[in-house]
């Protein structure tokens, strides 16, 4: 004061960080492997997220993908700062399956019936063809034979998987 007396006191000042971090995402594309699986890591989606007080953690809502995810599923990136403020962003993960099925054929012998006709089906030529994401269809390029076709013939089996990848194999059909 004006007389030279002094007094002091203490006070507590609480500094709070209530500002959310800035979550930034980028889209990403992945390819399923031959077993029908693929995975991503945070750095595939994170695109320069920031916070003035520092980032404590980054996490994704989904890391592993399979045949059921083919297409464009969305994932959420969660960013937590050092003071437990949270922000999120969304990214599209394009999941592709371009792995061809494994087409396996087996040879077959068929007998003409009383009308001089023999028919075969794709399942009779198939020898356990496989695909991690499943097989949609199988078709033969030649399935009906008559008396003019007694002997051996090459037949192509076309296997199409559930994501429209195609593979073929060839079998020998002996018509008797």
Protein backbone atom coordinates (compact mmCIF):
# COMPACT_ATOMS: atom_id res chain seq x y z
CA UNK A 1 0.00 0.00 0.00
CA UNK A 2 1.08 3.68 0.18
CA UNK A 3 2.60 3.08 3.64
CA UNK A 4 4.92 0.31 2.45
CA UNK A 5 3.01 -2.65 3.91
CA UNK A 6 2.90 -5.82 1.80
CA UNK A 7 0.63 -8.81 1.90
CA UNK A 8 0.74 -11.95 -0.23
CA UNK A 9 -1.63 -14.77 -0.86
CA UNK A 10 -1.63 -18.01 -2.83
CA UNK A 11 -4.13 -19.09 -5.39
CA UNK A 12 -4.46 -22.14 -7.56
CA UNK A 13 -4.85 -21.68 -11.27
CA UNK A 14 -6.17 -24.72 -13.09
CA UNK A 15 -5.18 -24.95 -16.72
CA UNK A 16 -7.39 -27.22 -18.73
CA UNK A 17 -7.10 -28.57 -22.23
CA UNK A 18 -10.65 -29.07 -23.48
CA UNK A 19 -9.77 -28.76 -27.14
CA UNK A 20 -10.27 -31.92 -29.17
CA UNK A 21 -7.41 -33.11 -31.37
CA UNK A 22 -7.79 -32.77 -35.13
CA UNK A 23 -8.35 -36.25 -36.59
CA UNK A 24 -7.49 -36.55 -40.29
CA UNK A 25 -8.19 -39.64 -42.38
CA UNK A 26 -7.38 -40.88 -45.86
CA UNK A 27 -9.06 -43.66 -47.82
CA UNK A 28 -7.16 -46.88 -48.48
CA UNK A 29 -7.38 -49.85 -50.85
CA UNK A 30 -6.49 -53.45 -49.94
CA UNK A 31 -6.43 -56.77 -51.77
CA UNK A 32 -7.58 -60.01 -50.17
CA UNK A 33 -4.96 -62.76 -50.24
CA UNK A 34 -5.50 -66.34 -51.45
CA UNK A 35 -7.04 -67.23 -48.08
CA UNK A 36 -9.58 -64.39 -48.38
CA UNK A 37 -8.01 -62.14 -45.72
CA UNK A 38 -6.32 -58.73 -45.55
CA UNK A 39 -5.49 -56.27 -42.80
CA UNK A 40 -4.63 -52.62 -42.35
CA UNK A 41 -2.69 -50.64 -39.77
CA UNK A 42 -3.34 -47.17 -38.36
CA UNK A 43 -0.80 -45.51 -40.67
CA UNK A 44 -2.80 -46.73 -43.69
CA UNK A 45 -5.70 -44.47 -42.62
CA UNK A 46 -4.15 -41.74 -40.43
CA UNK A 47 -3.33 -38.63 -42.47
CA UNK A 48 -1.57 -36.10 -40.23
CA UNK A 49 -3.84 -35.88 -37.20
CA UNK A 50 -2.63 -33.29 -34.68
CA UNK A 51 -3.07 -31.78 -31.22
CA UNK A 52 -1.29 -28.83 -29.57
CA UNK A 53 -0.65 -30.86 -26.40
CA UNK A 54 0.29 -34.11 -28.16
CA UNK A 55 -1.45 -37.28 -29.25
CA UNK A 56 -1.65 -40.16 -26.79
CA UNK A 57 -3.23 -42.83 -28.98
CA UNK A 58 -4.62 -43.67 -32.41
CA UNK A 59 -6.94 -46.62 -33.03
CA UNK A 60 -9.11 -48.04 -35.81
CA UNK A 61 -12.56 -49.55 -35.53
CA UNK A 62 -11.56 -52.44 -37.82
CA UNK A 63 -8.16 -53.87 -38.73
CA UNK A 64 -8.98 -57.22 -40.36
CA UNK A 65 -11.08 -57.83 -43.45
CA UNK A 66 -12.36 -60.93 -45.24
CA UNK A 67 -14.63 -61.99 -48.09
CA UNK A 68 -17.66 -60.49 -46.33
CA UNK A 69 -16.05 -57.04 -46.54
CA UNK A 70 -15.48 -56.92 -50.32
CA UNK A 71 -16.64 -53.49 -51.42
CA UNK A 72 -16.19 -50.21 -49.59
CA UNK A 73 -16.66 -50.56 -45.83
CA UNK A 74 -16.06 -47.52 -43.61
CA UNK A 75 -13.63 -47.49 -40.69
CA UNK A 76 -13.38 -44.98 -37.85
CA UNK A 77 -10.05 -43.54 -36.72
CA UNK A 78 -10.15 -42.45 -33.06
CA UNK A 79 -7.54 -39.92 -31.95
CA UNK A 80 -7.02 -39.30 -28.19
CA UNK A 81 -4.79 -36.47 -27.02
CA UNK A 82 -2.61 -36.42 -23.89
CA UNK A 83 -5.48 -34.89 -21.89
CA UNK A 84 -8.07 -37.48 -22.98
CA UNK A 85 -9.87 -35.33 -25.52
CA UNK A 86 -11.08 -37.40 -28.47
CA UNK A 87 -11.85 -36.76 -32.12
CA UNK A 88 -12.77 -39.20 -34.87
CA UNK A 89 -12.87 -39.31 -38.64
CA UNK A 90 -14.14 -41.86 -41.15
CA UNK A 91 -12.33 -43.42 -44.11
CA UNK A 92 -13.35 -45.81 -46.84
CA UNK A 93 -11.36 -49.03 -47.14
CA UNK A 94 -11.85 -50.46 -50.61
CA UNK A 95 -11.57 -54.23 -50.24
CA UNK A 96 -10.90 -56.11 -53.48
CA UNK A 97 -10.79 -59.78 -54.34
CA UNK A 98 -8.99 -60.42 -57.62
CA UNK A 99 -7.68 -63.87 -56.72
CA UNK A 100 -8.91 -66.39 -59.26
CA UNK A 101 -10.53 -69.59 -58.06
CA UNK A 102 -8.61 -72.84 -58.32
CA UNK A 103 -10.31 -74.80 -61.10
CA UNK A 104 -9.71 -78.57 -60.86
CA UNK A 105 -11.00 -81.01 -63.47
CA UNK A 106 -11.27 -84.76 -63.66
CA UNK A 107 -11.61 -86.90 -66.79
CA UNK A 108 -14.86 -88.77 -67.35
CA UNK A 109 -16.16 -91.63 -69.44
CA UNK A 110 -19.84 -91.55 -70.48
CA UNK A 111 -22.06 -94.09 -72.20
CA UNK A 112 -24.56 -93.17 -74.88
CA UNK A 113 -28.10 -94.03 -73.84
CA UNK A 114 -30.69 -95.96 -75.94
CA UNK A 115 -31.36 -92.75 -77.87
CA UNK A 116 -27.66 -92.26 -78.66
CA UNK A 117 -27.28 -89.31 -76.28
CA UNK A 118 -25.00 -88.74 -73.28
CA UNK A 119 -25.04 -85.70 -70.99
CA UNK A 120 -22.55 -84.52 -68.40
CA UNK A 121 -22.79 -81.78 -65.81
CA UNK A 122 -20.20 -79.39 -64.47
CA UNK A 123 -20.26 -81.18 -61.12
CA UNK A 124 -19.24 -84.44 -62.84
CA UNK A 125 -16.14 -82.79 -64.31
CA UNK A 126 -15.33 -80.68 -61.24
CA UNK A 127 -12.68 -82.20 -58.98
CA UNK A 128 -13.21 -80.04 -55.86
CA UNK A 129 -12.48 -76.60 -57.33
CA UNK A 130 -12.03 -74.01 -54.58
CA UNK A 131 -12.03 -70.31 -53.81
CA UNK A 132 -11.58 -68.57 -50.47
CA UNK A 133 -14.61 -66.37 -51.07
CA UNK A 134 -16.79 -69.14 -52.49
CA UNK A 135 -17.78 -70.37 -55.92
CA UNK A 136 -20.77 -68.76 -57.62
CA UNK A 137 -21.04 -70.99 -60.68
CA UNK A 138 -19.47 -73.70 -62.82
CA UNK A 139 -20.19 -74.23 -66.50
CA UNK A 140 -19.07 -76.55 -69.29
CA UNK A 141 -18.44 -75.54 -72.88
CA UNK A 142 -19.66 -78.95 -74.07
CA UNK A 143 -22.13 -81.10 -72.15
CA UNK A 144 -24.17 -83.14 -74.66
CA UNK A 145 -22.78 -85.85 -76.92
CA UNK A 146 -24.37 -88.08 -79.60
CA UNK A 147 -23.41 -90.99 -81.85
CA UNK A 148 -21.27 -88.75 -84.08
CA UNK A 149 -19.06 -87.92 -81.08
CA UNK A 150 -17.95 -91.38 -79.98
CA UNK A 151 -14.31 -91.02 -78.92
CA UNK A 152 -12.43 -88.49 -76.80
CA UNK A 153 -13.23 -84.80 -76.46
CA UNK A 154 -11.68 -81.90 -74.57
CA UNK A 155 -14.16 -80.13 -72.32
CA UNK A 156 -13.52 -76.82 -70.56
CA UNK A 157 -14.89 -76.22 -67.08
CA UNK A 158 -15.27 -72.52 -66.22
CA UNK A 159 -15.33 -71.72 -62.50
CA UNK A 160 -16.57 -68.28 -61.41
CA UNK A 161 -16.12 -67.16 -57.80
CA UNK A 162 -18.48 -64.94 -55.81
CA UNK A 163 -16.53 -61.83 -56.85
CA UNK A 164 -16.62 -62.70 -60.58
CA UNK A 165 -13.04 -63.93 -60.89
CA UNK A 166 -12.84 -66.73 -63.46
CA UNK A 167 -10.56 -69.71 -64.03
CA UNK A 168 -10.85 -72.68 -66.35
CA UNK A 169 -9.50 -76.21 -66.57
CA UNK A 170 -9.73 -78.88 -69.22
CA UNK A 171 -10.85 -82.49 -68.91
CA UNK A 172 -11.02 -85.35 -71.37
CA UNK A 173 -14.44 -86.88 -71.85
CA UNK A 174 -14.50 -90.30 -73.46
CA UNK A 175 -17.81 -91.06 -75.16
CA UNK A 176 -18.58 -94.78 -75.63
